[in-house]
Amino acid sequence: MSKKKEEQARQDALQQQISRIHLPRNNQSFGIVQRRLGGSRMEVRCFDGKTRICRIPGRLKRRLWVREGDLIIVEPWEFSGDEKGDVLYKYTKAQLGFLKRKGYLKQMDDFEEF
């Protein structure tokens, strides 16, 4: 890598650590993507113990790319909220490390993926 690219990568990593970390509010919860189902839908195992079929809302479809194993924030639907929900936010690797260090992800030890 050239020195310019290395410096840019270092600055990007620092910026991600400095930026505000989104946390679940009200009835939202953390979730881990189990598998993609096609379109904008996916099966997510939430930290509240439920497995939901979640979708990426239209306003986020082009900006939010989600893969299996990603940590996300899920908001359950008001109607049939135990089965369905919306994806609101996806965490980067730097943010995931920050959340683990601060103790927000103690429930993640129960999941066999990590």
PDB file of N, CA and C in Angstrom:
ATOM      1  N   MET A   1       0.836  -1.188   0.000  1.00  0.00           N
ATOM      2  CA  MET A   1       0.000   0.000   0.000  1.00  0.00           C
ATOM      3  C   MET A   1       0.876   1.244   0.000  1.00  0.00           C
ATOM      4  N   SER A   2       0.380   2.251  -0.654  1.00  0.00           N
ATOM      5  CA  SER A   2       1.114   3.512  -0.644  1.00  0.00           C
ATOM      6  C   SER A   2       0.898   4.213   0.695  1.00  0.00           C
ATOM      7  N   LYS A   3       1.746   5.174   0.972  1.00  0.00           N
ATOM      8  CA  LYS A   3       1.654   5.887   2.248  1.00  0.00           C
ATOM      9  C   LYS A   3       0.353   6.656   2.366  1.00  0.00           C
ATOM     10  N   LYS A   4      -0.138   7.181   1.244  1.00  0.00           N
ATOM     11  CA  LYS A   4      -1.402   7.922   1.276  1.00  0.00           C
ATOM     12  C   LYS A   4      -2.555   7.019   1.685  1.00  0.00           C
ATOM     13  N   LYS A   5      -2.600   5.817   1.099  1.00  0.00           N
ATOM     14  CA  LYS A   5      -3.685   4.890   1.409  1.00  0.00           C
ATOM     15  C   LYS A   5      -3.601   4.408   2.850  1.00  0.00           C
ATOM     16  N   GLU A   6      -2.394   4.158   3.344  1.00  0.00           N
ATOM     17  CA  GLU A   6      -2.232   3.734   4.736  1.00  0.00           C
ATOM     18  C   GLU A   6      -2.702   4.823   5.683  1.00  0.00           C
ATOM     19  N   GLU A   7      -2.336   6.070   5.395  1.00  0.00           N
ATOM     20  CA  GLU A   7      -2.749   7.197   6.244  1.00  0.00           C
ATOM     21  C   GLU A   7      -4.266   7.358   6.216  1.00  0.00           C
ATOM     22  N   GLN A   8      -4.870   7.206   5.034  1.00  0.00           N
ATOM     23  CA  GLN A   8      -6.324   7.320   4.914  1.00  0.00           C
ATOM     24  C   GLN A   8      -7.012   6.198   5.694  1.00  0.00           C
ATOM     25  N   ALA A   9      -6.488   4.977   5.619  1.00  0.00           N
ATOM     26  CA  ALA A   9      -7.069   3.847   6.354  1.00  0.00           C
ATOM     27  C   ALA A   9      -6.973   4.086   7.854  1.00  0.00           C
ATOM     28  N   ARG A  10      -5.837   4.609   8.318  1.00  0.00           N
ATOM     29  CA  ARG A  10      -5.662   4.915   9.738  1.00  0.00           C
ATOM     30  C   ARG A  10      -6.661   5.977  10.201  1.00  0.00           C
ATOM     31  N   GLN A  11      -6.860   7.010   9.386  1.00  0.00           N
ATOM     32  CA  GLN A  11      -7.796   8.073   9.735  1.00  0.00           C
ATOM     33  C   GLN A  11      -9.232   7.556   9.750  1.00  0.00           C
ATOM     34  N   ASP A  12      -9.572   6.683   8.794  1.00  0.00           N
ATOM     35  CA  ASP A  12     -10.915   6.115   8.764  1.00  0.00           C
ATOM     36  C   ASP A  12     -11.186   5.272  10.009  1.00  0.00           C
ATOM     37  N   ALA A  13     -10.215   4.463  10.424  1.00  0.00           N
ATOM     38  CA  ALA A  13     -10.371   3.637  11.622  1.00  0.00           C
ATOM     39  C   ALA A  13     -10.536   4.518  12.852  1.00  0.00           C
ATOM     40  N   LEU A  14      -9.757   5.588  12.941  1.00  0.00           N
ATOM     41  CA  LEU A  14      -9.862   6.506  14.068  1.00  0.00           C
ATOM     42  C   LEU A  14     -11.211   7.205  14.072  1.00  0.00           C
ATOM     43  N   GLN A  15     -11.693   7.599  12.901  1.00  0.00           N
ATOM     44  CA  GLN A  15     -12.981   8.282  12.800  1.00  0.00           C
ATOM     45  C   GLN A  15     -14.114   7.360  13.245  1.00  0.00           C
ATOM     46  N   GLN A  16     -14.039   6.075  12.883  1.00  0.00           N
ATOM     47  CA  GLN A  16     -15.082   5.137  13.281  1.00  0.00           C
ATOM     48  C   GLN A  16     -15.106   4.961  14.788  1.00  0.00           C
ATOM     49  N   GLN A  17     -13.963   4.998  15.444  1.00  0.00           N
ATOM     50  CA  GLN A  17     -13.920   4.838  16.889  1.00  0.00           C
ATOM     51  C   GLN A  17     -14.460   6.072  17.582  1.00  0.00           C
ATOM     52  N   ILE A  18     -14.239   7.237  16.994  1.00  0.00           N
ATOM     53  CA  ILE A  18     -14.662   8.486  17.611  1.00  0.00           C
ATOM     54  C   ILE A  18     -16.158   8.708  17.442  1.00  0.00           C
ATOM     55  N   SER A  19     -16.727   8.247  16.323  1.00  0.00           N
ATOM     56  CA  SER A  19     -18.120   8.534  16.026  1.00  0.00           C
ATOM     57  C   SER A  19     -19.054   7.939  17.081  1.00  0.00           C
ATOM     58  N   ARG A  20     -20.231   8.471  17.157  1.00  0.00           N
ATOM     59  CA  ARG A  20     -21.229   8.064  18.143  1.00  0.00           C
ATOM     60  C   ARG A  20     -21.687   6.633  17.871  1.00  0.00           C
ATOM     61  N   ILE A  21     -21.786   5.845  18.919  1.00  0.00           N
ATOM     62  CA  ILE A  21     -22.236   4.457  18.799  1.00  0.00           C
ATOM     63  C   ILE A  21     -23.742   4.418  19.046  1.00  0.00           C
ATOM     64  N   HIS A  22     -24.474   3.807  18.120  1.00  0.00           N
ATOM     65  CA  HIS A  22     -25.916   3.653  18.278  1.00  0.00           C
ATOM     66  C   HIS A  22     -26.188   2.498  19.231  1.00  0.00           C
ATOM     67  N   LEU A  23     -27.103   2.704  20.157  1.00  0.00           N
ATOM     68  CA  LEU A  23     -27.516   1.659  21.093  1.00  0.00           C
ATOM     69  C   LEU A  23     -29.018   1.451  20.970  1.00  0.00           C
ATOM     70  N   PRO A  24     -29.515   0.243  21.261  1.00  0.00           N
ATOM     71  CA  PRO A  24     -30.958  -0.007  21.182  1.00  0.00           C
ATOM     72  C   PRO A  24     -31.726   0.838  22.195  1.00  0.00           C
ATOM     73  N   ARG A  25     -32.866   1.346  21.777  1.00  0.00           N
ATOM     74  CA  ARG A  25     -33.755   2.126  22.645  1.00  0.00           C
ATOM     75  C   ARG A  25     -35.103   1.429  22.736  1.00  0.00           C
ATOM     76  N   ASN A  26     -35.858   1.734  23.776  1.00  0.00           N
ATOM     77  CA  ASN A  26     -37.218   1.235  23.990  1.00  0.00           C
ATOM     78  C   ASN A  26     -37.311  -0.267  23.744  1.00  0.00           C
ATOM     79  N   ASN A  27     -38.047  -0.693  22.715  1.00  0.00           N
ATOM     80  CA  ASN A  27     -38.238  -2.126  22.485  1.00  0.00           C
ATOM     81  C   ASN A  27     -37.250  -2.692  21.464  1.00  0.00           C
ATOM     82  N   GLN A  28     -36.277  -1.929  21.027  1.00  0.00           N
ATOM     83  CA  GLN A  28     -35.273  -2.407  20.080  1.00  0.00           C
ATOM     84  C   GLN A  28     -34.302  -3.350  20.789  1.00  0.00           C
ATOM     85  N   SER A  29     -33.644  -4.209  20.013  1.00  0.00           N
ATOM     86  CA  SER A  29     -32.664  -5.119  20.605  1.00  0.00           C
ATOM     87  C   SER A  29     -31.554  -5.420  19.601  1.00  0.00           C
ATOM     88  N   PHE A  30     -30.443  -5.940  20.117  1.00  0.00           N
ATOM     89  CA  PHE A  30     -29.363  -6.405  19.266  1.00  0.00           C
ATOM     90  C   PHE A  30     -29.790  -7.707  18.610  1.00  0.00           C
ATOM     91  N   GLY A  31     -29.228  -8.000  17.448  1.00  0.00           N
ATOM     92  CA  GLY A  31     -29.502  -9.256  16.771  1.00  0.00           C
ATOM     93  C   GLY A  31     -28.337  -9.653  15.889  1.00  0.00           C
ATOM     94  N   ILE A  32     -28.254 -10.939  15.583  1.00  0.00           N
ATOM     95  CA  ILE A  32     -27.221 -11.468  14.697  1.00  0.00           C
ATOM     96  C   ILE A  32     -27.917 -12.112  13.506  1.00  0.00           C
ATOM     97  N   VAL A  33     -27.477 -11.750  12.308  1.00  0.00           N
ATOM     98  CA  VAL A  33     -28.079 -12.284  11.084  1.00  0.00           C
ATOM     99  C   VAL A  33     -27.699 -13.757  10.951  1.00  0.00           C
ATOM    100  N   GLN A  34     -28.699 -14.621  10.893  1.00  0.00           N
ATOM    101  CA  GLN A  34     -28.475 -16.068  10.756  1.00  0.00           C
ATOM    102  C   GLN A  34     -28.337 -16.459   9.296  1.00  0.00           C
ATOM    103  N   ARG A  35     -29.282 -15.997   8.455  1.00  0.00           N
ATOM    104  CA  ARG A  35     -29.209 -16.305   7.022  1.00  0.00           C
ATOM    105  C   ARG A  35     -30.032 -15.302   6.234  1.00  0.00           C
ATOM    106  N   ARG A  36     -29.625 -15.103   4.982  1.00  0.00           N
ATOM    107  CA  ARG A  36     -30.345 -14.222   4.067  1.00  0.00           C
ATOM    108  C   ARG A  36     -31.437 -15.031   3.386  1.00  0.00           C
ATOM    109  N   LEU A  37     -32.600 -14.419   3.213  1.00  0.00           N
ATOM    110  CA  LEU A  37     -33.726 -15.139   2.616  1.00  0.00           C
ATOM    111  C   LEU A  37     -34.051 -14.653   1.212  1.00  0.00           C
ATOM    112  N   GLY A  38     -33.407 -13.596   0.769  1.00  0.00           N
ATOM    113  CA  GLY A  38     -33.691 -13.061  -0.550  1.00  0.00           C
ATOM    114  C   GLY A  38     -34.413 -11.739  -0.453  1.00  0.00           C
ATOM    115  N   GLY A  39     -34.243 -10.922  -1.464  1.00  0.00           N
ATOM    116  CA  GLY A  39     -34.823  -9.590  -1.413  1.00  0.00           C
ATOM    117  C   GLY A  39     -34.138  -8.806  -0.316  1.00  0.00           C
ATOM    118  N   SER A  40     -34.895  -8.187   0.523  1.00  0.00           N
ATOM    119  CA  SER A  40     -34.310  -7.457   1.643  1.00  0.00           C
ATOM    120  C   SER A  40     -34.649  -8.134   2.969  1.00  0.00           C
ATOM    121  N   ARG A  41     -34.951  -9.421   2.931  1.00  0.00           N
ATOM    122  CA  ARG A  41     -35.351 -10.132   4.140  1.00  0.00           C
ATOM    123  C   ARG A  41     -34.236 -11.054   4.624  1.00  0.00           C
ATOM    124  N   MET A  42     -34.250 -11.282   5.945  1.00  0.00           N
ATOM    125  CA  MET A  42     -33.251 -12.150   6.548  1.00  0.00           C
ATOM    126  C   MET A  42     -33.795 -12.714   7.857  1.00  0.00           C
ATOM    127  N   GLU A  43     -33.215 -13.826   8.277  1.00  0.00           N
ATOM    128  CA  GLU A  43     -33.561 -14.437   9.562  1.00  0.00           C
ATOM    129  C   GLU A  43     -32.540 -13.949  10.587  1.00  0.00           C
ATOM    130  N   VAL A  44     -33.048 -13.381  11.687  1.00  0.00           N
ATOM    131  CA  VAL A  44     -32.193 -12.772  12.699  1.00  0.00           C
ATOM    132  C   VAL A  44     -32.496 -13.378  14.056  1.00  0.00           C
ATOM    133  N   ARG A  45     -31.444 -13.769  14.773  1.00  0.00           N
ATOM    134  CA  ARG A  45     -31.605 -14.228  16.152  1.00  0.00           C
ATOM    135  C   ARG A  45     -31.335 -13.037  17.064  1.00  0.00           C
ATOM    136  N   CYS A  46     -32.366 -12.597  17.779  1.00  0.00           N
ATOM    137  CA  CYS A  46     -32.276 -11.408  18.628  1.00  0.00           C
ATOM    138  C   CYS A  46     -31.819 -11.788  20.028  1.00  0.00           C
ATOM    139  N   PHE A  47     -31.254 -10.808  20.732  1.00  0.00           N
ATOM    140  CA  PHE A  47     -30.748 -11.061  22.073  1.00  0.00           C
ATOM    141  C   PHE A  47     -31.863 -11.207  23.104  1.00  0.00           C
ATOM    142  N   ASP A  48     -33.115 -10.918  22.724  1.00  0.00           N
ATOM    143  CA  ASP A  48     -34.224 -11.146  23.643  1.00  0.00           C
ATOM    144  C   ASP A  48     -34.743 -12.580  23.564  1.00  0.00           C
ATOM    145  N   GLY A  49     -34.024 -13.439  22.809  1.00  0.00           N
ATOM    146  CA  GLY A  49     -34.337 -14.859  22.774  1.00  0.00           C
ATOM    147  C   GLY A  49     -35.261 -15.290  21.655  1.00  0.00           C
ATOM    148  N   LYS A  50     -35.636 -14.385  20.768  1.00  0.00           N
ATOM    149  CA  LYS A  50     -36.566 -14.717  19.699  1.00  0.00           C
ATOM    150  C   LYS A  50     -35.860 -14.684  18.348  1.00  0.00           C
ATOM    151  N   THR A  51     -36.353 -15.486  17.417  1.00  0.00           N
ATOM    152  CA  THR A  51     -35.859 -15.463  16.043  1.00  0.00           C
ATOM    153  C   THR A  51     -36.910 -14.772  15.196  1.00  0.00           C
ATOM    154  N   ARG A  52     -36.500 -13.734  14.471  1.00  0.00           N
ATOM    155  CA  ARG A  52     -37.437 -12.948  13.686  1.00  0.00           C
ATOM    156  C   ARG A  52     -37.024 -12.925  12.213  1.00  0.00           C
ATOM    157  N   ILE A  53     -38.030 -12.770  11.354  1.00  0.00           N
ATOM    158  CA  ILE A  53     -37.792 -12.498   9.943  1.00  0.00           C
ATOM    159  C   ILE A  53     -37.783 -10.975   9.834  1.00  0.00           C
ATOM    160  N   CYS A  54     -36.618 -10.422   9.496  1.00  0.00           N
ATOM    161  CA  CYS A  54     -36.485  -8.963   9.453  1.00  0.00           C
ATOM    162  C   CYS A  54     -36.267  -8.500   8.026  1.00  0.00           C
ATOM    163  N   ARG A  55     -36.631  -7.249   7.790  1.00  0.00           N
ATOM    164  CA  ARG A  55     -36.437  -6.661   6.476  1.00  0.00           C
ATOM    165  C   ARG A  55     -35.686  -5.353   6.619  1.00  0.00           C
ATOM    166  N   ILE A  56     -35.050  -4.949   5.538  1.00  0.00           N
ATOM    167  CA  ILE A  56     -34.385  -3.649   5.500  1.00  0.00           C
ATOM    168  C   ILE A  56     -35.402  -2.672   4.921  1.00  0.00           C
ATOM    169  N   PRO A  57     -35.769  -1.613   5.647  1.00  0.00           N
ATOM    170  CA  PRO A  57     -36.754  -0.652   5.132  1.00  0.00           C
ATOM    171  C   PRO A  57     -36.251   0.024   3.856  1.00  0.00           C
ATOM    172  N   GLY A  58     -37.169   0.520   3.056  1.00  0.00           N
ATOM    173  CA  GLY A  58     -36.844   1.119   1.775  1.00  0.00           C
ATOM    174  C   GLY A  58     -35.851   2.263   1.859  1.00  0.00           C
ATOM    175  N   ARG A  59     -35.908   3.064   2.911  1.00  0.00           N
ATOM    176  CA  ARG A  59     -35.008   4.220   3.022  1.00  0.00           C
ATOM    177  C   ARG A  59     -33.557   3.796   3.256  1.00  0.00           C
ATOM    178  N   LEU A  60     -33.340   2.537   3.674  1.00  0.00           N
ATOM    179  CA  LEU A  60     -31.988   2.051   3.950  1.00  0.00           C
ATOM    180  C   LEU A  60     -31.498   1.002   2.951  1.00  0.00           C
ATOM    181  N   LYS A  61     -32.330   0.594   2.011  1.00  0.00           N
ATOM    182  CA  LYS A  61     -31.992  -0.527   1.125  1.00  0.00           C
ATOM    183  C   LYS A  61     -30.680  -0.330   0.374  1.00  0.00           C
ATOM    184  N   ARG A  62     -30.455   0.832  -0.169  1.00  0.00           N
ATOM    185  CA  ARG A  62     -29.263   1.070  -0.974  1.00  0.00           C
ATOM    186  C   ARG A  62     -28.030   1.354  -0.124  1.00  0.00           C
ATOM    187  N   ARG A  63     -28.218   1.785   1.118  1.00  0.00           N
ATOM    188  CA  ARG A  63     -27.089   2.175   1.967  1.00  0.00           C
ATOM    189  C   ARG A  63     -26.633   1.082   2.920  1.00  0.00           C
ATOM    190  N   LEU A  64     -27.479   0.122   3.210  1.00  0.00           N
ATOM    191  CA  LEU A  64     -27.187  -0.879   4.241  1.00  0.00           C
ATOM    192  C   LEU A  64     -26.997  -2.253   3.601  1.00  0.00           C
ATOM    193  N   TRP A  65     -25.763  -2.756   3.623  1.00  0.00           N
ATOM    194  CA  TRP A  65     -25.457  -4.070   3.080  1.00  0.00           C
ATOM    195  C   TRP A  65     -25.165  -4.999   4.251  1.00  0.00           C
ATOM    196  N   VAL A  66     -25.986  -6.033   4.387  1.00  0.00           N
ATOM    197  CA  VAL A  66     -25.908  -6.916   5.547  1.00  0.00           C
ATOM    198  C   VAL A  66     -25.530  -8.316   5.090  1.00  0.00           C
ATOM    199  N   ARG A  67     -24.626  -8.955   5.852  1.00  0.00           N
ATOM    200  CA  ARG A  67     -24.204 -10.331   5.572  1.00  0.00           C
ATOM    201  C   ARG A  67     -24.521 -11.207   6.780  1.00  0.00           C
ATOM    202  N   GLU A  68     -24.385 -12.505   6.601  1.00  0.00           N
ATOM    203  CA  GLU A  68     -24.589 -13.431   7.706  1.00  0.00           C
ATOM    204  C   GLU A  68     -23.520 -13.191   8.760  1.00  0.00           C
ATOM    205  N   GLY A  69     -23.934 -13.213  10.018  1.00  0.00           N
ATOM    206  CA  GLY A  69     -22.999 -13.016  11.118  1.00  0.00           C
ATOM    207  C   GLY A  69     -22.844 -11.571  11.553  1.00  0.00           C
ATOM    208  N   ASP A  70     -23.471 -10.627  10.863  1.00  0.00           N
ATOM    209  CA  ASP A  70     -23.367  -9.211  11.240  1.00  0.00           C
ATOM    210  C   ASP A  70     -24.213  -8.923  12.474  1.00  0.00           C
ATOM    211  N   LEU A  71     -23.733  -7.995  13.295  1.00  0.00           N
ATOM    212  CA  LEU A  71     -24.485  -7.524  14.460  1.00  0.00           C
ATOM    213  C   LEU A  71     -25.304  -6.319  14.037  1.00  0.00           C
ATOM    214  N   ILE A  72     -26.606  -6.349  14.318  1.00  0.00           N
ATOM    215  CA  ILE A  72     -27.510  -5.280  13.900  1.00  0.00           C
ATOM    216  C   ILE A  72     -28.435  -4.889  15.039  1.00  0.00           C
ATOM    217  N   ILE A  73     -29.137  -3.773  14.859  1.00  0.00           N
ATOM    218  CA  ILE A  73     -30.213  -3.372  15.770  1.00  0.00           C
ATOM    219  C   ILE A  73     -31.530  -3.703  15.084  1.00  0.00           C
ATOM    220  N   VAL A  74     -32.410  -4.400  15.795  1.00  0.00           N
ATOM    221  CA  VAL A  74     -33.702  -4.823  15.259  1.00  0.00           C
ATOM    222  C   VAL A  74     -34.808  -4.123  16.040  1.00  0.00           C
ATOM    223  N   GLU A  75     -35.800  -3.616  15.301  1.00  0.00           N
ATOM    224  CA  GLU A  75     -36.992  -3.059  15.938  1.00  0.00           C
ATOM    225  C   GLU A  75     -38.178  -3.954  15.587  1.00  0.00           C
ATOM    226  N   PRO A  76     -38.766  -4.637  16.569  1.00  0.00           N
ATOM    227  CA  PRO A  76     -39.914  -5.505  16.285  1.00  0.00           C
ATOM    228  C   PRO A  76     -41.116  -4.691  15.805  1.00  0.00           C
ATOM    229  N   TRP A  77     -41.927  -5.318  14.954  1.00  0.00           N
ATOM    230  CA  TRP A  77     -43.145  -4.661  14.490  1.00  0.00           C
ATOM    231  C   TRP A  77     -44.150  -4.608  15.627  1.00  0.00           C
ATOM    232  N   GLU A  78     -45.042  -3.629  15.567  1.00  0.00           N
ATOM    233  CA  GLU A  78     -46.099  -3.545  16.580  1.00  0.00           C
ATOM    234  C   GLU A  78     -47.050  -4.729  16.456  1.00  0.00           C
ATOM    235  N   PHE A  79     -47.368  -5.114  15.226  1.00  0.00           N
ATOM    236  CA  PHE A  79     -48.230  -6.255  14.962  1.00  0.00           C
ATOM    237  C   PHE A  79     -47.348  -7.444  14.627  1.00  0.00           C
ATOM    238  N   SER A  80     -47.510  -8.541  15.284  1.00  0.00           N
ATOM    239  CA  SER A  80     -46.689  -9.771  15.140  1.00  0.00           C
ATOM    240  C   SER A  80     -45.213  -9.479  15.359  1.00  0.00           C
ATOM    241  N   GLY A  81     -44.902  -8.727  16.416  1.00  0.00           N
ATOM    242  CA  GLY A  81     -43.539  -8.324  16.739  1.00  0.00           C
ATOM    243  C   GLY A  81     -42.643  -9.457  17.188  1.00  0.00           C
ATOM    244  N   ASP A  82     -43.221 -10.590  17.624  1.00  0.00           N
ATOM    245  CA  ASP A  82     -42.398 -11.726  18.033  1.00  0.00           C
ATOM    246  C   ASP A  82     -41.851 -12.486  16.832  1.00  0.00           C
ATOM    247  N   GLU A  83     -42.411 -12.242  15.651  1.00  0.00           N
ATOM    248  CA  GLU A  83     -42.015 -12.976  14.458  1.00  0.00           C
ATOM    249  C   GLU A  83     -41.340 -12.107  13.411  1.00  0.00           C
ATOM    250  N   LYS A  84     -41.623 -10.794  13.401  1.00  0.00           N
ATOM    251  CA  LYS A  84     -41.121  -9.929  12.337  1.00  0.00           C
ATOM    252  C   LYS A  84     -40.549  -8.637  12.907  1.00  0.00           C
ATOM    253  N   GLY A  85     -39.662  -8.015  12.109  1.00  0.00           N
ATOM    254  CA  GLY A  85     -39.074  -6.760  12.556  1.00  0.00           C
ATOM    255  C   GLY A  85     -38.336  -6.054  11.426  1.00  0.00           C
ATOM    256  N   ASP A  86     -37.808  -4.875  11.746  1.00  0.00           N
ATOM    257  CA  ASP A  86     -37.052  -4.065  10.797  1.00  0.00           C
ATOM    258  C   ASP A  86     -35.607  -3.935  11.260  1.00  0.00           C
ATOM    259  N   VAL A  87     -34.681  -3.884  10.307  1.00  0.00           N
ATOM    260  CA  VAL A  87     -33.266  -3.651  10.602  1.00  0.00           C
ATOM    261  C   VAL A  87     -33.048  -2.147  10.590  1.00  0.00           C
ATOM    262  N   LEU A  88     -32.479  -1.618  11.679  1.00  0.00           N
ATOM    263  CA  LEU A  88     -32.261  -0.182  11.770  1.00  0.00           C
ATOM    264  C   LEU A  88     -30.813   0.228  11.591  1.00  0.00           C
ATOM    265  N   TYR A  89     -29.868  -0.607  12.024  1.00  0.00           N
ATOM    266  CA  TYR A  89     -28.465  -0.204  12.016  1.00  0.00           C
ATOM    267  C   TYR A  89     -27.578  -1.438  11.978  1.00  0.00           C
ATOM    268  N   LYS A  90     -26.437  -1.326  11.298  1.00  0.00           N
ATOM    269  CA  LYS A  90     -25.450  -2.404  11.260  1.00  0.00           C
ATOM    270  C   LYS A  90     -24.137  -1.878  11.833  1.00  0.00           C
ATOM    271  N   TYR A  91     -23.505  -2.670  12.702  1.00  0.00           N
ATOM    272  CA  TYR A  91     -22.254  -2.267  13.344  1.00  0.00           C
ATOM    273  C   TYR A  91     -21.045  -2.684  12.506  1.00  0.00           C
ATOM    274  N   THR A  92     -20.013  -1.841  12.519  1.00  0.00           N
ATOM    275  CA  THR A  92     -18.742  -2.168  11.871  1.00  0.00           C
ATOM    276  C   THR A  92     -17.890  -2.981  12.838  1.00  0.00           C
ATOM    277  N   LYS A  93     -16.749  -3.475  12.367  1.00  0.00           N
ATOM    278  CA  LYS A  93     -15.867  -4.267  13.226  1.00  0.00           C
ATOM    279  C   LYS A  93     -15.316  -3.432  14.374  1.00  0.00           C
ATOM    280  N   ALA A  94     -14.963  -2.179  14.118  1.00  0.00           N
ATOM    281  CA  ALA A  94     -14.430  -1.311  15.175  1.00  0.00           C
ATOM    282  C   ALA A  94     -15.487  -1.047  16.237  1.00  0.00           C
ATOM    283  N   GLN A  95     -16.726  -0.814  15.804  1.00  0.00           N
ATOM    284  CA  GLN A  95     -17.807  -0.577  16.757  1.00  0.00           C
ATOM    285  C   GLN A  95     -18.122  -1.838  17.556  1.00  0.00           C
ATOM    286  N   LEU A  96     -18.036  -2.994  16.913  1.00  0.00           N
ATOM    287  CA  LEU A  96     -18.265  -4.269  17.599  1.00  0.00           C
ATOM    288  C   LEU A  96     -17.242  -4.466  18.710  1.00  0.00           C
ATOM    289  N   GLY A  97     -15.972  -4.173  18.416  1.00  0.00           N
ATOM    290  CA  GLY A  97     -14.931  -4.274  19.438  1.00  0.00           C
ATOM    291  C   GLY A  97     -15.167  -3.329  20.595  1.00  0.00           C
ATOM    292  N   PHE A  98     -15.620  -2.107  20.301  1.00  0.00           N
ATOM    293  CA  PHE A  98     -15.920  -1.126  21.347  1.00  0.00           C
ATOM    294  C   PHE A  98     -17.050  -1.628  22.245  1.00  0.00           C
ATOM    295  N   LEU A  99     -18.120  -2.165  21.635  1.00  0.00           N
ATOM    296  CA  LEU A  99     -19.253  -2.664  22.416  1.00  0.00           C
ATOM    297  C   LEU A  99     -18.852  -3.838  23.309  1.00  0.00           C
ATOM    298  N   LYS A 100     -17.969  -4.709  22.808  1.00  0.00           N
ATOM    299  CA  LYS A 100     -17.503  -5.845  23.614  1.00  0.00           C
ATOM    300  C   LYS A 100     -16.684  -5.360  24.804  1.00  0.00           C
ATOM    301  N   ARG A 101     -15.793  -4.386  24.564  1.00  0.00           N
ATOM    302  CA  ARG A 101     -14.952  -3.859  25.650  1.00  0.00           C
ATOM    303  C   ARG A 101     -15.778  -3.172  26.729  1.00  0.00           C
ATOM    304  N   LYS A 102     -16.840  -2.481  26.336  1.00  0.00           N
ATOM    305  CA  LYS A 102     -17.670  -1.752  27.289  1.00  0.00           C
ATOM    306  C   LYS A 102     -18.698  -2.637  27.987  1.00  0.00           C
ATOM    307  N   GLY A 103     -18.855  -3.886  27.552  1.00  0.00           N
ATOM    308  CA  GLY A 103     -19.732  -4.821  28.246  1.00  0.00           C
ATOM    309  C   GLY A 103     -21.172  -4.830  27.772  1.00  0.00           C
ATOM    310  N   TYR A 104     -21.468  -4.217  26.628  1.00  0.00           N
ATOM    311  CA  TYR A 104     -22.839  -4.218  26.123  1.00  0.00           C
ATOM    312  C   TYR A 104     -23.235  -5.567  25.537  1.00  0.00           C
ATOM    313  N   LEU A 105     -22.259  -6.382  25.177  1.00  0.00           N
ATOM    314  CA  LEU A 105     -22.544  -7.627  24.469  1.00  0.00           C
ATOM    315  C   LEU A 105     -22.242  -8.862  25.312  1.00  0.00           C
ATOM    316  N   LYS A 106     -22.562  -8.813  26.584  1.00  0.00           N
ATOM    317  CA  LYS A 106     -22.334  -9.981  27.447  1.00  0.00           C
ATOM    318  C   LYS A 106     -23.211 -11.151  27.034  1.00  0.00           C
ATOM    319  N   GLN A 107     -24.386 -10.865  26.461  1.00  0.00           N
ATOM    320  CA  GLN A 107     -25.284 -11.932  26.021  1.00  0.00           C
ATOM    321  C   GLN A 107     -24.753 -12.647  24.784  1.00  0.00           C
ATOM    322  N   MET A 108     -23.791 -12.032  24.098  1.00  0.00           N
ATOM    323  CA  MET A 108     -23.262 -12.628  22.873  1.00  0.00           C
ATOM    324  C   MET A 108     -22.518 -13.926  23.162  1.00  0.00           C
ATOM    325  N   ASP A 109     -22.053 -14.127  24.376  1.00  0.00           N
ATOM    326  CA  ASP A 109     -21.343 -15.352  24.731  1.00  0.00           C
ATOM    327  C   ASP A 109     -22.248 -16.577  24.601  1.00  0.00           C
ATOM    328  N   ASP A 110     -23.573 -16.380  24.675  1.00  0.00           N
ATOM    329  CA  ASP A 110     -24.510 -17.482  24.551  1.00  0.00           C
ATOM    330  C   ASP A 110     -24.600 -17.998  23.107  1.00  0.00           C
ATOM    331  N   PHE A 111     -24.202 -17.166  22.150  1.00  0.00           N
ATOM    332  CA  PHE A 111     -24.291 -17.554  20.749  1.00  0.00           C
ATOM    333  C   PHE A 111     -23.018 -18.295  20.361  1.00  0.00           C
ATOM    334  N   GLU A 112     -23.176 -19.373  19.609  1.00  0.00           N
ATOM    335  CA  GLU A 112     -22.036 -20.207  19.250  1.00  0.00           C
ATOM    336  C   GLU A 112     -21.199 -19.619  18.128  1.00  0.00           C
ATOM    337  N   GLU A 113     -21.700 -18.602  17.396  1.00  0.00           N
ATOM    338  CA  GLU A 113     -20.926 -18.042  16.282  1.00  0.00           C
ATOM    339  C   GLU A 113     -19.694 -17.283  16.771  1.00  0.00           C
ATOM    340  N   PHE A 114     -19.782 -16.685  17.925  1.00  0.00           N
ATOM    341  CA  PHE A 114     -18.674 -15.848  18.394  1.00  0.00           C
ATOM    342  C   PHE A 114     -17.968 -16.564  19.485  1.00  0.00           C
TER     343      PHE A 114
END
